[in-house]
Amino acid sequence: MPLTPYSQPSSGGMYTIPLGISWIASGGPNDSTTYFAPMAGLIANVATAVGPQFDTWAEANFEIPTAGTIISVSYTWKNYSGVLATGENVLSAIRVNDAADIADTTEPRWDQSFETLVVSGLSTVVAAGDRIAGKILTPAWVTNPVGVAFGALVTIQT
């Protein structure tokens, strides 16, 4: 059985899929741009995984291995450089089959060195073979963050 960066699904249980993207080596995300976060395990070196290579759905989507229901998403933002964004909100979501956004929130701002947010109570059914990616829509910042990373942990109940 091949190694996978997500927890192994089990019948009647849960598994998680980590999604992530970073701008540690490339400065920071651009204003008013949509980025997609692939499965975090696909990024071999976070120091060289830069945002612009994941600016389309086709570059970042990941196949759901086992059918289930997405029940929660935990988002995390970390600033590694100390150059924080101004207080404009960033849209974060999980894109499903390049057709719908779930667990979307505009609450988070990247003006803190570390921030987490959990969106729970979700009930989005996914089939084996469906595709997901993290989605970020950046605002027109007054000051853009530099050296940041974004992560989302998707929990699926089987």
N, C-alpha and C. Protein backbone atom coordinates (compact mmCIF):
# COMPACT_ATOMS: atom_id res chain seq x y z
N MET A 1 0.85 -1.18 0.00
CA MET A 1 0.00 0.00 0.00
C MET A 1 0.90 1.24 0.00
N PRO A 2 0.67 2.18 -0.93
CA PRO A 2 1.52 3.37 -1.01
C PRO A 2 1.31 4.29 0.20
N LEU A 3 2.36 5.00 0.53
CA LEU A 3 2.24 5.99 1.60
C LEU A 3 1.44 7.18 1.11
N THR A 4 0.63 7.73 1.98
CA THR A 4 -0.17 8.90 1.63
C THR A 4 -0.04 9.95 2.72
N PRO A 5 -0.11 11.23 2.38
CA PRO A 5 0.01 12.27 3.39
C PRO A 5 -1.29 12.55 4.14
N TYR A 6 -2.36 11.86 3.83
CA TYR A 6 -3.59 12.04 4.57
C TYR A 6 -3.79 10.83 5.48
N SER A 7 -4.61 11.00 6.52
CA SER A 7 -4.87 9.86 7.40
C SER A 7 -5.71 8.83 6.65
N GLN A 8 -5.51 7.58 6.95
CA GLN A 8 -6.18 6.51 6.22
C GLN A 8 -7.66 6.44 6.56
N PRO A 9 -8.54 6.42 5.55
CA PRO A 9 -9.97 6.31 5.81
C PRO A 9 -10.35 4.94 6.35
N SER A 10 -11.36 4.94 7.17
CA SER A 10 -11.88 3.67 7.67
C SER A 10 -13.41 3.75 7.68
N SER A 11 -14.05 2.62 7.49
CA SER A 11 -15.50 2.58 7.46
C SER A 11 -16.07 3.01 8.80
N GLY A 12 -17.00 3.93 8.77
CA GLY A 12 -17.63 4.41 10.00
C GLY A 12 -16.75 5.34 10.81
N GLY A 13 -15.64 5.73 10.26
CA GLY A 13 -14.71 6.60 10.98
C GLY A 13 -14.55 7.95 10.31
N MET A 14 -13.37 8.50 10.44
CA MET A 14 -13.06 9.80 9.84
C MET A 14 -11.65 9.76 9.27
N TYR A 15 -11.39 10.65 8.35
CA TYR A 15 -10.03 10.89 7.91
C TYR A 15 -9.88 12.37 7.60
N THR A 16 -8.63 12.80 7.51
CA THR A 16 -8.36 14.21 7.25
C THR A 16 -7.46 14.34 6.02
N ILE A 17 -7.62 15.46 5.33
CA ILE A 17 -6.77 15.80 4.19
C ILE A 17 -6.18 17.18 4.46
N PRO A 18 -4.85 17.28 4.55
CA PRO A 18 -4.21 18.58 4.74
C PRO A 18 -3.97 19.27 3.40
N LEU A 19 -4.35 20.52 3.30
CA LEU A 19 -4.11 21.33 2.11
C LEU A 19 -3.23 22.50 2.52
N GLY A 20 -2.33 22.93 1.66
CA GLY A 20 -1.47 24.03 2.06
C GLY A 20 -0.76 24.70 0.90
N ILE A 21 -0.36 25.94 1.15
CA ILE A 21 0.38 26.74 0.17
C ILE A 21 1.19 27.77 0.95
N SER A 22 2.33 28.16 0.41
CA SER A 22 3.13 29.16 1.11
C SER A 22 3.79 30.12 0.14
N TRP A 23 4.14 31.25 0.69
CA TRP A 23 4.89 32.29 -0.04
C TRP A 23 6.14 32.63 0.75
N ILE A 24 6.76 31.62 1.33
CA ILE A 24 7.92 31.87 2.19
C ILE A 24 9.12 32.32 1.36
N ALA A 25 9.33 31.68 0.22
CA ALA A 25 10.50 32.00 -0.59
C ALA A 25 10.23 33.03 -1.67
N SER A 26 8.97 33.42 -1.84
CA SER A 26 8.64 34.26 -2.99
C SER A 26 8.10 35.63 -2.61
N GLY A 27 8.28 36.07 -1.40
CA GLY A 27 7.73 37.36 -1.01
C GLY A 27 6.38 37.17 -0.36
N GLY A 28 5.32 37.38 -1.11
CA GLY A 28 3.99 37.26 -0.55
C GLY A 28 2.94 37.18 -1.64
N PRO A 29 1.70 36.92 -1.26
CA PRO A 29 0.62 36.84 -2.24
C PRO A 29 0.31 38.22 -2.83
N ASN A 30 -0.19 38.21 -4.05
CA ASN A 30 -0.57 39.44 -4.74
C ASN A 30 -1.95 39.92 -4.31
N ASP A 31 -2.24 41.18 -4.56
CA ASP A 31 -3.56 41.75 -4.30
C ASP A 31 -4.61 41.14 -5.23
N SER A 32 -5.83 41.01 -4.69
CA SER A 32 -7.01 40.64 -5.48
C SER A 32 -6.76 39.46 -6.42
N THR A 33 -6.20 38.39 -5.87
CA THR A 33 -5.84 37.21 -6.64
C THR A 33 -6.42 35.97 -5.99
N THR A 34 -6.87 35.03 -6.82
CA THR A 34 -7.34 33.74 -6.31
C THR A 34 -6.20 32.74 -6.40
N TYR A 35 -5.95 32.04 -5.28
CA TYR A 35 -4.96 30.98 -5.22
C TYR A 35 -5.65 29.70 -4.79
N PHE A 36 -5.10 28.56 -5.22
CA PHE A 36 -5.62 27.26 -4.82
C PHE A 36 -4.52 26.50 -4.08
N ALA A 37 -4.88 25.87 -2.97
CA ALA A 37 -3.92 25.13 -2.16
C ALA A 37 -4.06 23.64 -2.42
N PRO A 38 -2.98 22.98 -2.87
CA PRO A 38 -3.03 21.54 -3.10
C PRO A 38 -2.87 20.77 -1.80
N MET A 39 -2.90 19.45 -1.90
CA MET A 39 -2.67 18.64 -0.71
C MET A 39 -1.28 18.95 -0.18
N ALA A 40 -1.20 19.26 1.10
CA ALA A 40 0.05 19.73 1.70
C ALA A 40 1.19 18.75 1.51
N GLY A 41 0.93 17.46 1.52
CA GLY A 41 1.98 16.48 1.35
C GLY A 41 2.63 16.51 -0.02
N LEU A 42 2.01 17.19 -0.99
CA LEU A 42 2.58 17.29 -2.33
C LEU A 42 3.66 18.36 -2.40
N ILE A 43 3.75 19.19 -1.38
CA ILE A 43 4.78 20.22 -1.34
C ILE A 43 6.00 19.62 -0.66
N ALA A 44 7.02 19.32 -1.43
CA ALA A 44 8.19 18.65 -0.88
C ALA A 44 9.02 19.58 0.00
N ASN A 45 9.11 20.84 -0.37
CA ASN A 45 9.92 21.78 0.39
C ASN A 45 9.14 23.07 0.54
N VAL A 46 8.62 23.31 1.73
CA VAL A 46 7.78 24.48 1.94
C VAL A 46 8.52 25.78 1.64
N ALA A 47 9.84 25.77 1.76
CA ALA A 47 10.61 26.98 1.51
C ALA A 47 10.64 27.36 0.03
N THR A 48 10.34 26.41 -0.85
CA THR A 48 10.36 26.74 -2.28
C THR A 48 8.99 26.62 -2.92
N ALA A 49 7.97 26.27 -2.17
CA ALA A 49 6.62 26.15 -2.73
C ALA A 49 5.99 27.54 -2.74
N VAL A 50 5.88 28.12 -3.90
CA VAL A 50 5.43 29.50 -3.99
C VAL A 50 4.02 29.59 -4.56
N GLY A 51 3.30 30.63 -4.15
CA GLY A 51 1.91 30.80 -4.54
C GLY A 51 1.62 30.80 -6.01
N PRO A 52 2.33 31.55 -6.84
CA PRO A 52 1.95 31.66 -8.24
C PRO A 52 1.87 30.35 -9.00
N GLN A 53 2.59 29.30 -8.55
CA GLN A 53 2.48 28.04 -9.27
C GLN A 53 1.16 27.35 -8.98
N PHE A 54 0.39 27.83 -8.03
CA PHE A 54 -0.89 27.24 -7.68
C PHE A 54 -2.02 28.25 -7.85
N ASP A 55 -2.03 28.95 -8.97
CA ASP A 55 -3.06 29.95 -9.16
C ASP A 55 -4.20 29.47 -10.07
N THR A 56 -4.22 28.18 -10.36
CA THR A 56 -5.35 27.62 -11.10
C THR A 56 -5.82 26.34 -10.42
N TRP A 57 -7.10 26.04 -10.60
CA TRP A 57 -7.68 24.81 -10.07
C TRP A 57 -6.94 23.59 -10.60
N ALA A 58 -6.62 23.58 -11.87
CA ALA A 58 -5.99 22.42 -12.51
C ALA A 58 -4.66 22.05 -11.86
N GLU A 59 -3.94 23.02 -11.33
CA GLU A 59 -2.64 22.77 -10.71
C GLU A 59 -2.74 22.23 -9.30
N ALA A 60 -3.89 22.38 -8.65
CA ALA A 60 -3.94 22.14 -7.21
C ALA A 60 -4.95 21.11 -6.74
N ASN A 61 -5.91 20.70 -7.53
CA ASN A 61 -6.97 19.84 -6.99
C ASN A 61 -6.46 18.45 -6.64
N PHE A 62 -7.15 17.84 -5.68
CA PHE A 62 -6.76 16.54 -5.14
C PHE A 62 -7.98 15.63 -5.10
N GLU A 63 -7.80 14.36 -5.44
CA GLU A 63 -8.91 13.41 -5.49
C GLU A 63 -9.26 12.87 -4.10
N ILE A 64 -10.56 12.89 -3.79
CA ILE A 64 -11.06 12.30 -2.55
C ILE A 64 -10.93 10.78 -2.66
N PRO A 65 -10.24 10.12 -1.71
CA PRO A 65 -10.02 8.68 -1.84
C PRO A 65 -11.21 7.81 -1.43
N THR A 66 -12.03 8.29 -0.49
CA THR A 66 -13.13 7.49 0.06
C THR A 66 -14.34 8.39 0.27
N ALA A 67 -15.50 7.93 -0.13
CA ALA A 67 -16.74 8.71 0.03
C ALA A 67 -16.99 9.03 1.49
N GLY A 68 -17.65 10.15 1.71
CA GLY A 68 -18.00 10.55 3.07
C GLY A 68 -18.65 11.92 3.08
N THR A 69 -18.63 12.54 4.24
CA THR A 69 -19.22 13.87 4.43
C THR A 69 -18.19 14.78 5.06
N ILE A 70 -17.92 15.90 4.41
CA ILE A 70 -17.02 16.90 5.01
C ILE A 70 -17.76 17.52 6.19
N ILE A 71 -17.19 17.38 7.39
CA ILE A 71 -17.87 17.87 8.60
C ILE A 71 -17.20 19.09 9.21
N SER A 72 -15.92 19.32 8.89
CA SER A 72 -15.26 20.52 9.42
C SER A 72 -14.01 20.84 8.60
N VAL A 73 -13.61 22.10 8.71
CA VAL A 73 -12.36 22.57 8.10
C VAL A 73 -11.67 23.47 9.11
N SER A 74 -10.41 23.17 9.37
CA SER A 74 -9.59 24.02 10.25
C SER A 74 -8.60 24.78 9.38
N TYR A 75 -8.64 26.11 9.47
CA TYR A 75 -7.73 26.96 8.71
C TYR A 75 -6.62 27.48 9.62
N THR A 76 -5.42 27.61 9.08
CA THR A 76 -4.30 28.18 9.82
C THR A 76 -3.52 29.11 8.89
N TRP A 77 -3.11 30.25 9.43
CA TRP A 77 -2.24 31.20 8.73
C TRP A 77 -1.05 31.47 9.62
N LYS A 78 0.14 31.47 9.04
CA LYS A 78 1.35 31.73 9.80
C LYS A 78 2.23 32.67 9.01
N ASN A 79 2.74 33.70 9.70
CA ASN A 79 3.66 34.64 9.08
C ASN A 79 5.06 34.34 9.60
N TYR A 80 5.99 34.08 8.69
CA TYR A 80 7.35 33.72 9.07
C TYR A 80 8.32 34.89 8.99
N SER A 81 7.89 36.00 8.41
CA SER A 81 8.82 37.11 8.17
C SER A 81 8.65 38.27 9.12
N GLY A 82 7.46 38.39 9.71
CA GLY A 82 7.19 39.54 10.57
C GLY A 82 6.55 40.70 9.82
N VAL A 83 6.48 40.63 8.48
CA VAL A 83 5.80 41.67 7.72
C VAL A 83 4.34 41.26 7.58
N LEU A 84 3.49 41.84 8.43
CA LEU A 84 2.08 41.48 8.49
C LEU A 84 1.27 42.30 7.50
N ALA A 85 0.14 41.75 7.10
CA ALA A 85 -0.79 42.48 6.23
C ALA A 85 -1.55 43.51 7.04
N THR A 86 -2.12 44.46 6.35
CA THR A 86 -3.08 45.35 6.99
C THR A 86 -4.36 44.56 7.21
N GLY A 87 -5.36 45.12 7.85
CA GLY A 87 -6.50 44.38 8.36
C GLY A 87 -7.60 43.98 7.41
N GLU A 88 -7.37 44.00 6.11
CA GLU A 88 -8.42 43.58 5.17
C GLU A 88 -8.67 42.07 5.28
N ASN A 89 -9.92 41.66 5.11
CA ASN A 89 -10.28 40.25 5.22
C ASN A 89 -9.86 39.46 3.98
N VAL A 90 -9.51 38.20 4.21
CA VAL A 90 -9.13 37.27 3.16
C VAL A 90 -10.22 36.20 3.09
N LEU A 91 -10.73 35.92 1.89
CA LEU A 91 -11.71 34.85 1.73
C LEU A 91 -10.96 33.52 1.68
N SER A 92 -11.37 32.59 2.54
CA SER A 92 -10.82 31.24 2.53
C SER A 92 -11.97 30.27 2.35
N ALA A 93 -11.74 29.22 1.57
CA ALA A 93 -12.81 28.25 1.30
C ALA A 93 -12.18 26.93 0.86
N ILE A 94 -13.02 25.91 0.76
CA ILE A 94 -12.65 24.65 0.14
C ILE A 94 -13.46 24.55 -1.14
N ARG A 95 -12.77 24.39 -2.24
CA ARG A 95 -13.42 24.28 -3.55
C ARG A 95 -13.66 22.80 -3.84
N VAL A 96 -14.89 22.45 -4.22
CA VAL A 96 -15.25 21.06 -4.50
C VAL A 96 -15.61 20.93 -5.98
N ASN A 97 -14.89 20.04 -6.68
CA ASN A 97 -15.15 19.74 -8.10
C ASN A 97 -15.16 20.99 -8.97
N ASP A 98 -14.42 21.99 -8.59
CA ASP A 98 -14.35 23.27 -9.31
C ASP A 98 -15.73 23.83 -9.61
N ALA A 99 -16.69 23.55 -8.71
CA ALA A 99 -18.06 23.98 -8.94
C ALA A 99 -18.65 24.76 -7.76
N ALA A 100 -18.23 24.45 -6.54
CA ALA A 100 -18.84 25.09 -5.37
C ALA A 100 -17.79 25.30 -4.29
N ASP A 101 -17.94 26.38 -3.55
CA ASP A 101 -17.09 26.66 -2.40
C ASP A 101 -17.86 26.31 -1.13
N ILE A 102 -17.20 25.61 -0.22
CA ILE A 102 -17.79 25.32 1.07
C ILE A 102 -16.87 25.83 2.17
N ALA A 103 -17.39 25.90 3.38
CA ALA A 103 -16.61 26.33 4.54
C ALA A 103 -15.96 27.68 4.29
N ASP A 104 -16.64 28.52 3.49
CA ASP A 104 -16.06 29.81 3.16
C ASP A 104 -16.25 30.79 4.31
N THR A 105 -15.24 31.61 4.47
CA THR A 105 -15.27 32.60 5.53
C THR A 105 -14.44 33.80 5.11
N THR A 106 -14.89 34.97 5.48
CA THR A 106 -14.09 36.18 5.26
C THR A 106 -13.61 36.73 6.60
N GLU A 107 -13.75 35.94 7.64
CA GLU A 107 -13.32 36.36 8.97
C GLU A 107 -11.81 36.61 9.07
N PRO A 108 -11.01 35.69 8.53
CA PRO A 108 -9.59 35.81 8.80
C PRO A 108 -8.94 37.02 8.14
N ARG A 109 -8.03 37.58 8.88
CA ARG A 109 -7.17 38.64 8.35
C ARG A 109 -5.74 38.18 8.57
N TRP A 110 -4.86 38.57 7.71
CA TRP A 110 -3.48 38.13 7.84
C TRP A 110 -2.64 39.21 8.51
N ASP A 111 -3.24 39.90 9.48
CA ASP A 111 -2.53 40.94 10.22
C ASP A 111 -2.03 40.45 11.57
N GLN A 112 -2.02 39.14 11.78
CA GLN A 112 -1.50 38.52 12.99
C GLN A 112 -0.36 37.58 12.57
N SER A 113 0.55 37.29 13.48
CA SER A 113 1.65 36.39 13.13
C SER A 113 1.19 34.93 13.04
N PHE A 114 0.08 34.59 13.72
CA PHE A 114 -0.46 33.24 13.66
C PHE A 114 -1.94 33.33 13.96
N GLU A 115 -2.75 32.63 13.17
CA GLU A 115 -4.19 32.67 13.38
C GLU A 115 -4.78 31.33 12.96
N THR A 116 -5.79 30.87 13.70
CA THR A 116 -6.51 29.66 13.34
C THR A 116 -8.00 29.94 13.40
N LEU A 117 -8.74 29.17 12.64
CA LEU A 117 -10.20 29.29 12.59
C LEU A 117 -10.77 27.94 12.21
N VAL A 118 -11.80 27.50 12.92
CA VAL A 118 -12.45 26.22 12.60
C VAL A 118 -13.87 26.52 12.12
N VAL A 119 -14.22 25.94 10.97
CA VAL A 119 -15.59 26.00 10.46
C VAL A 119 -16.15 24.59 10.64
N SER A 120 -17.13 24.46 11.54
CA SER A 120 -17.68 23.13 11.84
C SER A 120 -19.17 23.10 11.49
N GLY A 121 -19.79 21.96 11.74
CA GLY A 121 -21.21 21.82 11.43
C GLY A 121 -21.49 21.69 9.95
N LEU A 122 -20.50 21.29 9.17
CA LEU A 122 -20.67 21.15 7.73
C LEU A 122 -21.30 19.79 7.42
N SER A 123 -21.93 19.68 6.26
CA SER A 123 -22.54 18.41 5.86
C SER A 123 -22.49 18.24 4.35
N THR A 124 -21.32 18.48 3.78
CA THR A 124 -21.15 18.35 2.33
C THR A 124 -20.72 16.93 1.98
N VAL A 125 -21.57 16.23 1.25
CA VAL A 125 -21.30 14.85 0.84
C VAL A 125 -20.33 14.86 -0.34
N VAL A 126 -19.30 14.02 -0.24
CA VAL A 126 -18.34 13.86 -1.34
C VAL A 126 -18.23 12.38 -1.68
N ALA A 127 -18.05 12.11 -2.95
CA ALA A 127 -17.88 10.73 -3.42
C ALA A 127 -16.40 10.46 -3.67
N ALA A 128 -16.02 9.20 -3.61
CA ALA A 128 -14.67 8.84 -4.02
C ALA A 128 -14.49 9.31 -5.46
N GLY A 129 -13.40 10.00 -5.73
CA GLY A 129 -13.16 10.54 -7.06
C GLY A 129 -13.49 12.01 -7.20
N ASP A 130 -14.31 12.56 -6.28
CA ASP A 130 -14.51 14.01 -6.27
C ASP A 130 -13.17 14.68 -6.02
N ARG A 131 -13.08 15.96 -6.36
CA ARG A 131 -11.81 16.67 -6.21
C ARG A 131 -12.00 17.90 -5.34
N ILE A 132 -10.97 18.21 -4.54
CA ILE A 132 -11.01 19.40 -3.68
C ILE A 132 -9.68 20.14 -3.75
N ALA A 133 -9.71 21.39 -3.34
CA ALA A 133 -8.51 22.21 -3.16
C ALA A 133 -8.88 23.33 -2.19
N GLY A 134 -7.90 23.82 -1.46
CA GLY A 134 -8.11 25.03 -0.67
C GLY A 134 -8.19 26.21 -1.63
N LYS A 135 -8.93 27.23 -1.25
CA LYS A 135 -9.08 28.41 -2.10
C LYS A 135 -8.88 29.66 -1.25
N ILE A 136 -8.11 30.59 -1.76
CA ILE A 136 -7.86 31.85 -1.08
C ILE A 136 -8.11 32.96 -2.09
N LEU A 137 -8.88 33.95 -1.70
CA LEU A 137 -9.07 35.15 -2.51
C LEU A 137 -8.53 36.31 -1.70
N THR A 138 -7.44 36.89 -2.17
CA THR A 138 -6.79 37.96 -1.41
C THR A 138 -7.47 39.30 -1.68
N PRO A 139 -7.45 40.18 -0.70
CA PRO A 139 -8.01 41.52 -0.89
C PRO A 139 -6.99 42.45 -1.55
N ALA A 140 -7.39 43.67 -1.78
CA ALA A 140 -6.44 44.71 -2.20
C ALA A 140 -5.88 45.31 -0.91
N TRP A 141 -4.79 44.73 -0.43
CA TRP A 141 -4.19 45.16 0.83
C TRP A 141 -3.56 46.54 0.70
N VAL A 142 -3.54 47.28 1.78
CA VAL A 142 -2.72 48.49 1.85
C VAL A 142 -1.26 48.05 1.99
N THR A 143 -1.03 47.07 2.88
CA THR A 143 0.29 46.46 3.03
C THR A 143 0.14 44.95 2.88
N ASN A 144 0.84 44.37 1.91
CA ASN A 144 0.76 42.93 1.68
C ASN A 144 1.62 42.18 2.70
N PRO A 145 1.18 40.98 3.13
CA PRO A 145 2.03 40.19 4.01
C PRO A 145 3.20 39.60 3.22
N VAL A 146 4.28 39.32 3.91
CA VAL A 146 5.46 38.72 3.29
C VAL A 146 5.82 37.47 4.07
N GLY A 147 6.18 36.41 3.36
CA GLY A 147 6.62 35.18 4.01
C GLY A 147 5.53 34.48 4.79
N VAL A 148 4.40 34.22 4.16
CA VAL A 148 3.26 33.61 4.85
C VAL A 148 2.96 32.21 4.32
N ALA A 149 2.28 31.43 5.14
CA ALA A 149 1.82 30.09 4.75
C ALA A 149 0.37 29.95 5.17
N PHE A 150 -0.39 29.21 4.39
CA PHE A 150 -1.81 28.94 4.63
C PHE A 150 -2.01 27.44 4.65
N GLY A 151 -2.82 26.97 5.58
CA GLY A 151 -3.15 25.55 5.63
C GLY A 151 -4.60 25.34 5.93
N ALA A 152 -5.14 24.24 5.45
CA ALA A 152 -6.52 23.85 5.76
C ALA A 152 -6.51 22.35 6.02
N LEU A 153 -7.15 21.93 7.08
CA LEU A 153 -7.29 20.52 7.39
C LEU A 153 -8.77 20.16 7.25
N VAL A 154 -9.07 19.36 6.23
CA VAL A 154 -10.45 18.97 5.92
C VAL A 154 -10.74 17.63 6.60
N THR A 155 -11.79 17.59 7.43
CA THR A 155 -12.18 16.36 8.11
C THR A 155 -13.39 15.76 7.42
N ILE A 156 -13.26 14.49 7.04
CA ILE A 156 -14.32 13.78 6.31
C ILE A 156 -14.75 12.58 7.14
N GLN A 157 -16.04 12.50 7.40
CA GLN A 157 -16.61 11.36 8.12
C GLN A 157 -17.09 10.34 7.09
N THR A 158 -16.72 9.06 7.32
CA THR A 158 -17.10 8.02 6.36
C THR A 158 -18.31 7.25 6.86
